[in-house]
Protein backbone atom coordinates (compact mmCIF):
# COMPACT_ATOMS: atom_id res chain seq x y z
CA UNK A 1 -25.14 -36.11 0.21
CA UNK A 2 -22.14 -33.79 -0.26
CA UNK A 3 -21.93 -33.03 3.48
CA UNK A 4 -18.56 -34.74 4.08
CA UNK A 5 -16.68 -31.50 4.77
CA UNK A 6 -18.58 -31.17 8.05
CA UNK A 7 -16.40 -34.04 9.35
CA UNK A 8 -13.24 -32.01 8.73
CA UNK A 9 -14.27 -28.70 10.28
CA UNK A 10 -12.38 -27.37 13.29
CA UNK A 11 -15.12 -26.45 15.76
CA UNK A 12 -13.02 -26.14 18.91
CA UNK A 13 -13.94 -22.47 19.48
CA UNK A 14 -17.44 -21.15 20.02
CA UNK A 15 -18.06 -17.41 20.33
CA UNK A 16 -21.16 -17.70 22.47
CA UNK A 17 -21.81 -13.95 22.97
CA UNK A 18 -21.55 -13.22 19.25
CA UNK A 19 -23.89 -16.09 18.32
CA UNK A 20 -26.51 -15.14 20.95
CA UNK A 21 -26.42 -11.44 20.01
CA UNK A 22 -26.83 -12.30 16.32
CA UNK A 23 -29.74 -14.66 17.07
CA UNK A 24 -31.52 -12.15 19.34
CA UNK A 25 -31.90 -9.65 16.46
CA UNK A 26 -32.68 -12.15 13.71
CA UNK A 27 -34.75 -11.25 10.62
CA UNK A 28 -35.52 -13.27 7.52
CA UNK A 29 -35.88 -12.28 3.87
CA UNK A 30 -36.46 -15.42 1.81
CA UNK A 31 -33.51 -17.70 2.59
CA UNK A 32 -31.38 -14.83 3.93
CA UNK A 33 -31.01 -14.54 7.72
CA UNK A 34 -29.70 -11.22 9.09
CA UNK A 35 -28.70 -10.26 12.61
CA UNK A 36 -26.81 -7.48 14.37
CA UNK A 37 -23.51 -7.92 16.24
CA UNK A 38 -21.92 -4.91 17.94
CA UNK A 39 -24.05 -2.52 15.89
CA UNK A 40 -23.31 -4.07 12.47
CA UNK A 41 -25.55 -6.29 10.36
CA UNK A 42 -24.32 -9.69 9.18
CA UNK A 43 -26.26 -11.93 6.78
CA UNK A 44 -26.07 -15.71 6.37
CA UNK A 45 -27.35 -17.15 3.10
CA UNK A 46 -27.19 -20.65 1.57
CA UNK A 47 -24.37 -19.41 -0.67
CA UNK A 48 -22.36 -18.24 2.36
CA UNK A 49 -22.95 -21.56 4.16
CA UNK A 50 -21.81 -23.57 1.14
CA UNK A 51 -18.71 -21.40 0.69
CA UNK A 52 -17.60 -21.38 4.35
CA UNK A 53 -18.58 -24.93 5.40
CA UNK A 54 -17.96 -26.59 2.03
CA UNK A 55 -21.29 -28.46 1.93
CA UNK A 56 -23.77 -29.33 -0.87
CA UNK A 57 -20.87 -30.24 -3.17
CA UNK A 58 -22.70 -32.54 -5.59
CA UNK A 59 -23.24 -31.01 -9.00
CA UNK A 60 -24.82 -33.96 -10.86
CA UNK A 61 -28.28 -33.54 -9.34
CA UNK A 62 -30.34 -30.74 -7.83
CA UNK A 63 -30.64 -30.38 -4.06
CA UNK A 64 -34.06 -30.24 -2.41
CA UNK A 65 -35.33 -28.61 0.79
CA UNK A 66 -35.87 -31.00 3.68
CA UNK A 67 -39.46 -31.27 4.91
CA UNK A 68 -40.84 -33.63 7.53
CA UNK A 69 -43.82 -35.69 6.38
CA UNK A 70 -45.76 -37.07 9.37
CA UNK A 71 -47.16 -40.12 7.63
CA UNK A 72 -47.78 -41.73 4.27
CA UNK A 73 -46.00 -44.26 2.14
CA UNK A 74 -42.61 -42.65 2.52
CA UNK A 75 -42.85 -42.96 6.32
CA UNK A 76 -43.42 -46.69 5.98
CA UNK A 77 -40.49 -47.07 3.57
CA UNK A 78 -38.21 -45.00 5.82
CA UNK A 79 -39.11 -47.06 8.90
CA UNK A 80 -38.57 -50.36 7.04
CA UNK A 81 -35.13 -49.13 5.98
CA UNK A 82 -34.03 -47.84 9.39
CA UNK A 83 -35.68 -50.39 11.72
CA UNK A 84 -36.01 -53.37 9.39
CA UNK A 85 -39.18 -54.70 7.78
CA UNK A 86 -40.01 -57.10 10.61
CA UNK A 87 -39.26 -54.75 13.51
CA UNK A 88 -42.03 -53.61 15.81
CA UNK A 89 -42.03 -49.85 15.40
CA UNK A 90 -44.65 -49.33 18.08
CA UNK A 91 -41.89 -49.03 20.73
CA UNK A 92 -41.71 -45.29 21.29
CA UNK A 93 -42.14 -42.80 24.07
CA UNK A 94 -44.93 -40.28 23.74
CA UNK A 95 -45.07 -37.05 25.70
CA UNK A 96 -46.75 -33.67 25.52
CA UNK A 97 -45.03 -30.27 25.50
CA UNK A 98 -46.54 -26.85 24.81
CA UNK A 99 -49.86 -28.50 23.93
CA UNK A 100 -48.32 -30.75 21.24
CA UNK A 101 -47.85 -34.53 21.13
CA UNK A 102 -44.35 -35.85 20.37
CA UNK A 103 -43.01 -39.35 19.69
CA UNK A 104 -39.42 -40.53 20.23
CA UNK A 105 -38.55 -44.01 18.91
CA UNK A 106 -36.16 -46.40 20.64
CA UNK A 107 -32.70 -46.09 19.04
CA UNK A 108 -31.65 -49.66 19.85
CA UNK A 109 -34.34 -50.91 17.42
CA UNK A 110 -32.44 -49.44 14.44
CA UNK A 111 -30.21 -51.53 12.21
CA UNK A 112 -26.47 -51.42 13.07
CA UNK A 113 -25.62 -49.21 10.08
CA UNK A 114 -28.44 -46.80 10.95
CA UNK A 115 -27.13 -46.58 14.53
CA UNK A 116 -23.65 -45.62 13.31
CA UNK A 117 -25.02 -43.04 10.89
CA UNK A 118 -27.30 -41.69 13.61
CA UNK A 119 -24.34 -41.14 15.94
CA UNK A 120 -22.39 -39.35 13.18
CA UNK A 121 -25.38 -37.32 12.06
CA UNK A 122 -26.20 -36.12 15.55
CA UNK A 123 -22.58 -35.35 16.45
CA UNK A 124 -22.27 -33.15 13.35
CA UNK A 125 -25.68 -31.43 13.37
CA UNK A 126 -25.92 -30.94 17.13
CA UNK A 127 -22.35 -30.49 18.35
CA UNK A 128 -23.43 -28.40 21.32
CA UNK A 129 -25.99 -30.90 22.67
CA UNK A 130 -25.84 -34.25 24.39
CA UNK A 131 -27.00 -37.33 22.52
CA UNK A 132 -30.75 -37.94 23.08
CA UNK A 133 -32.17 -41.20 24.32
CA UNK A 134 -34.38 -41.74 21.27
CA UNK A 135 -34.81 -41.05 17.57
CA UNK A 136 -37.11 -38.29 16.33
CA UNK A 137 -39.22 -38.75 13.17
CA UNK A 138 -37.19 -35.97 11.52
CA UNK A 139 -33.98 -37.99 12.04
CA UNK A 140 -35.61 -41.12 10.59
CA UNK A 141 -36.25 -39.26 7.31
CA UNK A 142 -32.66 -37.94 7.21
CA UNK A 143 -31.22 -41.40 7.98
CA UNK A 144 -33.35 -42.89 5.22
CA UNK A 145 -31.84 -40.36 2.80
CA UNK A 146 -28.31 -41.17 4.01
CA UNK A 147 -28.76 -44.96 3.77
CA UNK A 148 -30.52 -45.11 0.40
CA UNK A 149 -29.43 -41.96 -1.40
CA UNK A 150 -32.97 -41.67 -2.80
CA UNK A 151 -33.31 -38.08 -1.52
CA UNK A 152 -30.73 -35.32 -1.80
CA UNK A 153 -31.24 -32.60 0.79
CA UNK A 154 -29.41 -29.27 0.95
CA UNK A 155 -27.60 -28.81 4.26
CA UNK A 156 -27.51 -25.03 3.69
CA UNK A 157 -31.32 -24.83 3.43
CA UNK A 158 -31.73 -27.25 6.36
CA UNK A 159 -29.51 -25.01 8.51
CA UNK A 160 -31.43 -21.86 7.49
CA UNK A 161 -34.79 -23.48 8.34
CA UNK A 162 -33.55 -24.93 11.67
CA UNK A 163 -32.20 -21.57 12.84
CA UNK A 164 -35.37 -19.69 11.90
CA UNK A 165 -37.67 -22.33 13.43
CA UNK A 166 -35.76 -22.04 16.71
CA UNK A 167 -36.04 -18.22 16.59
CA UNK A 168 -39.84 -18.39 16.09
CA UNK A 169 -40.32 -21.02 18.83
CA UNK A 170 -40.31 -19.07 22.10
CA UNK A 171 -40.14 -22.32 24.13
CA UNK A 172 -36.93 -23.57 22.49
CA UNK A 173 -33.72 -22.48 24.21
CA UNK A 174 -31.00 -24.43 22.34
CA UNK A 175 -29.51 -22.71 19.29
CA UNK A 176 -29.12 -25.29 16.48
CA UNK A 177 -25.83 -25.40 14.52
CA UNK A 178 -24.23 -23.04 17.04
CA UNK A 179 -20.68 -24.14 16.15
CA UNK A 180 -21.31 -23.57 12.43
CA UNK A 181 -22.91 -20.16 13.07
CA UNK A 182 -19.82 -19.25 15.10
CA UNK A 183 -17.50 -20.28 12.25
CA UNK A 184 -19.52 -18.37 9.64
CA UNK A 185 -19.80 -15.17 11.72
CA UNK A 186 -16.05 -15.34 12.36
CA UNK A 187 -15.41 -15.60 8.60
CA UNK A 188 -17.74 -12.61 8.01
CA UNK A 189 -15.70 -10.45 10.41
CA UNK A 190 -18.22 -10.33 13.27
CA UNK A 191 -15.68 -11.64 15.83
CA UNK A 192 -13.12 -9.18 17.15
CA UNK A 193 -9.56 -10.17 18.03
CA UNK A 194 -10.13 -9.87 21.78
CA UNK A 195 -13.47 -11.75 21.71
CA UNK A 196 -13.72 -14.42 24.41
CA UNK A 197 -14.04 -17.96 22.99
CA UNK A 198 -15.28 -21.11 24.68
CA UNK A 199 -13.25 -24.21 23.95
CA UNK A 200 -14.93 -27.49 22.93
CA UNK A 201 -12.98 -30.71 23.13
CA UNK A 202 -12.79 -32.44 19.71
CA UNK A 203 -13.13 -35.78 21.48
CA UNK A 204 -16.75 -34.87 22.19
CA UNK A 205 -17.53 -35.21 18.46
CA UNK A 206 -15.55 -38.40 17.77
CA UNK A 207 -17.60 -41.50 16.95
CA UNK A 208 -15.70 -44.75 17.62
CA UNK A 209 -16.36 -48.29 18.81
CA UNK A 210 -16.28 -47.01 22.38
CA UNK A 211 -19.29 -44.83 21.52
CA UNK A 212 -21.47 -47.96 21.40
CA UNK A 213 -20.23 -49.37 24.70
CA UNK A 214 -18.89 -52.56 23.17
CA UNK A 215 -22.36 -53.67 22.04
CA UNK A 216 -21.73 -53.19 18.29
CA UNK A 217 -19.28 -55.61 16.67
CA UNK A 218 -17.52 -55.36 13.31
CA UNK A 219 -16.03 -58.16 11.28
CA UNK A 220 -14.87 -58.63 7.68
CA UNK A 221 -13.90 -61.28 5.22
CA UNK A 222 -12.30 -61.14 1.80
CA UNK A 223 -15.59 -60.28 0.13
CA UNK A 224 -17.84 -58.61 2.70
CA UNK A 225 -18.09 -56.67 5.97
CA UNK A 226 -20.51 -57.44 8.79
CA UNK A 227 -22.03 -55.50 11.69
CA UNK A 228 -23.66 -57.17 14.68
CA UNK A 229 -25.74 -55.46 17.39
CA UNK A 230 -25.60 -57.46 20.63
CA UNK A 231 -28.58 -55.57 22.11
CA UNK A 232 -31.12 -56.21 19.35
CA UNK A 233 -29.27 -59.31 18.03
CA UNK A 234 -29.36 -57.82 14.54
CA UNK A 235 -26.64 -58.34 11.96
CA UNK A 236 -26.01 -56.56 8.71
CA UNK A 237 -23.59 -57.44 5.89
CA UNK A 238 -22.16 -55.32 3.09
CA UNK A 239 -20.10 -56.17 0.02
CA UNK A 240 -16.47 -55.26 0.55
CA UNK A 241 -15.11 -52.43 -1.55
CA UNK A 242 -11.39 -52.51 -2.31
CA UNK A 243 -11.21 -48.74 -2.30
CA UNK A 244 -12.15 -48.78 1.39
CA UNK A 245 -8.84 -50.49 2.22
CA UNK A 246 -6.91 -47.78 0.43
CA UNK A 247 -8.93 -45.13 2.15
CA UNK A 248 -8.38 -46.86 5.51
CA UNK A 249 -4.60 -46.76 4.98
CA UNK A 250 -4.92 -43.13 4.08
CA UNK A 251 -7.04 -42.55 7.16
CA UNK A 252 -4.42 -44.32 9.32
CA UNK A 253 -1.74 -41.96 8.06
CA UNK A 254 -4.05 -39.04 8.60
CA UNK A 255 -4.82 -40.27 12.10
CA UNK A 256 -1.11 -40.48 12.92
CA UNK A 257 -0.72 -36.92 11.70
CA UNK A 258 -3.77 -35.94 13.71
CA UNK A 259 -2.30 -37.64 16.77
CA UNK A 260 0.79 -35.49 16.49
CA UNK A 261 -1.38 -32.46 15.99
CA UNK A 262 -3.40 -33.46 19.05
CA UNK A 263 -0.23 -33.62 21.13
CA UNK A 264 0.58 -30.11 20.02
CA UNK A 265 -3.01 -29.11 20.73
CA UNK A 266 -2.75 -30.59 24.22
CA UNK A 267 0.21 -28.35 24.94
CA UNK A 268 -1.63 -25.42 23.44
CA UNK A 269 -4.71 -26.31 25.47
CA UNK A 270 -2.69 -26.28 28.68
CA UNK A 271 -1.56 -22.79 27.84
CA UNK A 272 -5.07 -21.86 26.81
CA UNK A 273 -6.40 -23.39 30.03
CA UNK A 274 -4.29 -20.95 32.02
CA UNK A 275 -5.50 -18.16 29.80
CA UNK A 276 -9.04 -19.47 30.13
CA UNK A 277 -8.73 -19.40 33.92
CA UNK A 278 -7.67 -15.78 33.75
CA UNK A 279 -10.49 -15.10 31.32
CA UNK A 280 -12.90 -16.92 33.61
CA UNK A 281 -11.94 -14.63 36.46
CA UNK A 282 -12.36 -11.67 34.16
CA UNK A 283 -15.72 -13.08 33.03
CA UNK A 284 -16.84 -13.46 36.61
CA UNK A 285 -15.92 -9.86 37.29
CA UNK A 286 -17.75 -8.79 34.12
CA UNK A 287 -20.70 -10.98 35.09
CA UNK A 288 -20.93 -9.23 38.45
CA UNK A 289 -20.76 -5.87 36.71
CA UNK A 290 -23.36 -6.99 34.19
CA UNK A 291 -25.60 -8.24 36.98
CA UNK A 292 -25.24 -4.90 38.72
CA UNK A 293 -26.02 -3.12 35.46
CA UNK A 294 -28.95 -5.45 34.89
CA UNK A 295 -30.36 -4.52 38.30
CA UNK A 296 -29.89 -0.84 37.51
CA UNK A 297 -31.54 -1.38 34.12
CA UNK A 298 -34.45 -3.14 35.80
CA UNK A 299 -34.90 -0.18 38.10
CA UNK A 300 -34.59 2.14 35.13
CA UNK A 301 -37.14 0.06 33.20
CA UNK A 302 -39.54 0.17 36.16
CA UNK A 303 -39.09 3.94 36.38
CA UNK A 304 -39.63 4.24 32.63
CA UNK A 305 -42.76 2.06 32.88
CA UNK A 306 -44.05 4.26 35.69
CA UNK A 307 -43.36 7.38 33.66
CA UNK A 308 -44.94 5.76 30.64
CA UNK A 309 -48.06 5.02 32.69
CA UNK A 310 -48.13 8.62 33.95
CA UNK A 311 -47.66 9.87 30.40
CA UNK A 312 -50.42 7.56 29.29
CA UNK A 313 -52.74 9.02 31.95
CA UNK A 314 -51.74 12.55 30.98
CA UNK A 315 -52.25 11.68 27.34
CA UNK A 316 -55.74 10.37 28.15
CA UNK A 317 -56.50 13.52 30.16
CA UNK A 318 -55.12 15.66 27.33
CA UNK A 319 -57.25 13.75 24.85
CA UNK A 320 -60.34 14.30 27.02
CA UNK A 321 -59.42 18.01 27.35
CA UNK A 322 -58.92 18.24 23.57
CA UNK A 323 -62.28 16.57 22.96
CA UNK A 324 -63.99 18.99 25.38
CA UNK A 325 -62.21 21.91 23.74
CA UNK A 326 -63.29 20.69 20.32
CA UNK A 327 -66.85 20.48 21.61
CA UNK A 328 -66.57 24.04 22.95
CA UNK A 329 -65.12 25.26 19.67
CA UNK A 330 -67.95 23.56 17.79
CA UNK A 331 -70.47 25.14 20.19
CA UNK A 332 -68.81 28.54 19.75
CA UNK A 333 -68.84 28.12 15.98
CA UNK A 334 -72.48 27.15 16.11
CA UNK A 335 -73.25 30.20 18.30
CA UNK A 336 -71.19 32.42 15.98
CA UNK A 337 -73.14 31.14 12.99
CA UNK A 338 -76.39 31.78 14.87
CA UNK A 339 -75.22 35.30 15.72
CA UNK A 340 -74.24 35.91 12.13
CA UNK A 341 -77.64 34.70 11.00
CA UNK A 342 -79.42 36.98 13.52
CA UNK A 343 -77.11 39.90 12.62
CA UNK A 344 -77.93 39.34 8.96
CA UNK A 345 -81.64 39.38 9.78
CA UNK A 346 -81.23 42.55 11.88
CA UNK A 347 -79.16 44.14 9.11
CA UNK A 348 -81.85 43.34 6.57
CA UNK A 349 -84.53 44.74 8.90
CA UNK A 350 -82.42 47.86 9.47
CA UNK A 351 -82.00 48.32 5.73
CA UNK A 352 -85.73 48.00 5.33
CA UNK A 353 -86.30 50.59 8.10
CA UNK A 354 -83.74 52.93 6.55
CA UNK A 355 -85.41 52.54 3.16
CA UNK A 356 -88.79 53.25 4.80
CA UNK A 357 -87.37 56.29 6.59
CA UNK A 358 -85.82 57.53 3.36
CA UNK A 359 -89.16 57.05 1.61
CA UNK A 360 -90.94 58.98 4.39
CA UNK A 361 -88.30 61.72 4.28
CA UNK A 362 -88.79 62.02 0.53
CA UNK A 363 -92.53 62.21 1.04
CA UNK A 364 -92.06 64.84 3.76
CA UNK A 365 -89.73 66.77 1.52
CA UNK A 366 -92.27 66.61 -1.27
CA UNK A 367 -95.05 67.76 1.10
CA UNK A 368 -92.79 70.48 2.49
CA UNK A 369 -92.00 71.58 -1.05
CA UNK A 370 -95.72 71.72 -1.83
CA UNK A 371 -96.41 73.61 1.38
CA UNK A 372 -93.55 75.97 0.63
CA UNK A 373 -94.94 76.63 -2.83
CA UNK A 374 -98.40 77.17 -1.36
CA UNK A 375 -96.93 79.52 1.24
CA UNK A 376 -95.09 81.43 -1.48
CA UNK A 377 -98.36 81.71 -3.35
CA UNK A 378 -100.10 82.87 -0.18
CA UNK A 379 -97.31 85.39 0.49
CA UNK A 380 -97.59 86.66 -3.06
CA UNK A 381 -101.38 86.87 -2.63
CA UNK A 382 -100.95 88.71 0.65
CA UNK A 383 -98.40 91.06 -0.89
CA UNK A 384 -100.80 91.67 -3.77
CA UNK A 385 -103.60 92.31 -1.29
CA UNK A 386 -101.35 94.60 0.74
CA UNK A 387 -100.43 96.48 -2.39
CA UNK A 388 -104.08 96.73 -3.27
CA UNK A 389 -104.92 97.91 0.25
CA UNK A 390 -102.09 100.39 0.14
CA UNK A 391 -103.37 101.63 -3.20
CA UNK A 392 -106.92 101.87 -1.82
CA UNK A 393 -105.61 103.54 1.33
CA UNK A 394 -103.65 105.98 -0.76
CA UNK A 395 -106.71 106.63 -2.88
CA UNK A 396 -108.80 107.09 0.27
CA UNK A 397 -106.09 109.31 1.71
CA UNK A 398 -106.06 111.36 -1.46
CA UNK A 399 -109.84 111.51 -1.42
CA UNK A 400 -109.75 112.49 2.25
CA UNK A 401 -107.18 115.17 1.57
CA UNK A 402 -109.27 116.33 -1.35
CA UNK A 403 -112.34 116.45 0.84
CA UNK A 404 -110.45 118.22 3.57
CA UNK A 405 -109.12 120.73 1.11
CA UNK A 406 -112.56 121.08 -0.41
CA UNK A 407 -114.08 121.53 3.04
CA UNK A 408 -111.34 123.93 3.95
CA UNK A 409 -111.92 125.87 0.78
CA UNK A 410 -115.62 125.74 1.41
CA UNK A 411 -115.11 127.07 4.93
CA UNK A 412 -112.80 129.67 3.58
CA UNK A 413 -115.42 130.70 1.11
CA UNK A 414 -118.02 130.68 3.75
CA UNK A 415 -115.94 132.95 5.95
CA UNK A 416 -115.34 135.18 3.04
CA UNK A 417 -118.97 135.34 2.24
CA UNK A 418 -119.78 136.04 5.89
CA UNK A 419 -117.30 138.74 5.99
């Protein structure tokens, strides 16, 4: 499968705070997972996983993405390979969680080789968890791929999908591949020098004969190896491969070297234990401070919620006031338009009245002009008559004077004649 480098990784330190903070702000873009640690964004991609963990090393074939198929022909083939063709696979526990039905199959029904691979697989994929009591369908598919080599799955893509599925499942509280996430984030620079690390004993991940409680027996001859399960009374034989002996010798030498390294690590652990005790006291003090801050934050959150509710009420009141004001503005606009319309009508009527008055004034002026001309004519006629009367009066006056003179002359003559 090209996953063998997972067996050689040093996963003694886990930076729990860094992993949890990165997971709490997780986002996904394709096969790229991004999270924030101490204000900076760090991304984990399949390429980063392969580079840091050294997985998916086969180059002769293409890797595929693991997907769990609930039934079908492949399920039957996988079960026959892992449990044996004559094994009763109906022995499983069924339970319900979050409205879903789950099945866990009895692990002691698996073949001896499948049991060993299952222990190794679980110890590498789930370092931070305890071994379950049964086998999940997902693990049956993976074991089938390990035993037969018929399917080549990418560990990098499997890790990406497992992390994202956990993030989307609000009821799941265990972070998958936590040790590997911690290693990758440390390589990306997300872990500071003074970051507190939790120590994990490497013995917790070692799979040995003691793991099976003395119920799995191994034997070998010149041509083959044999496994026997005392619980299920199953045995399994394999052709012996000479290269295994060479590798075993190499592993023995490596184990001796590892034993010496472990002795050194024990001494270092004792020192680290003292440091861890001091750190634990410091953590406790920080935990108390964090709890106090959490209480203050809760109070602050409650106060903010109360203010938010008050703001919401004020916003609703403001919205109602704005709606009423808009209605008033619309009413005022409507009234203004009505007034403009009436003013336009009154203006038109006024113009008509002014035009009528102007017409009447013109008529009056014309009549006045006619009357003035008539009066001038009358005045001229009167002046003419006055002139004529004056002439007649003058003539009469002259005639009268003439008569008076004539009478006076006549009287004078008469007096003369009398005398």
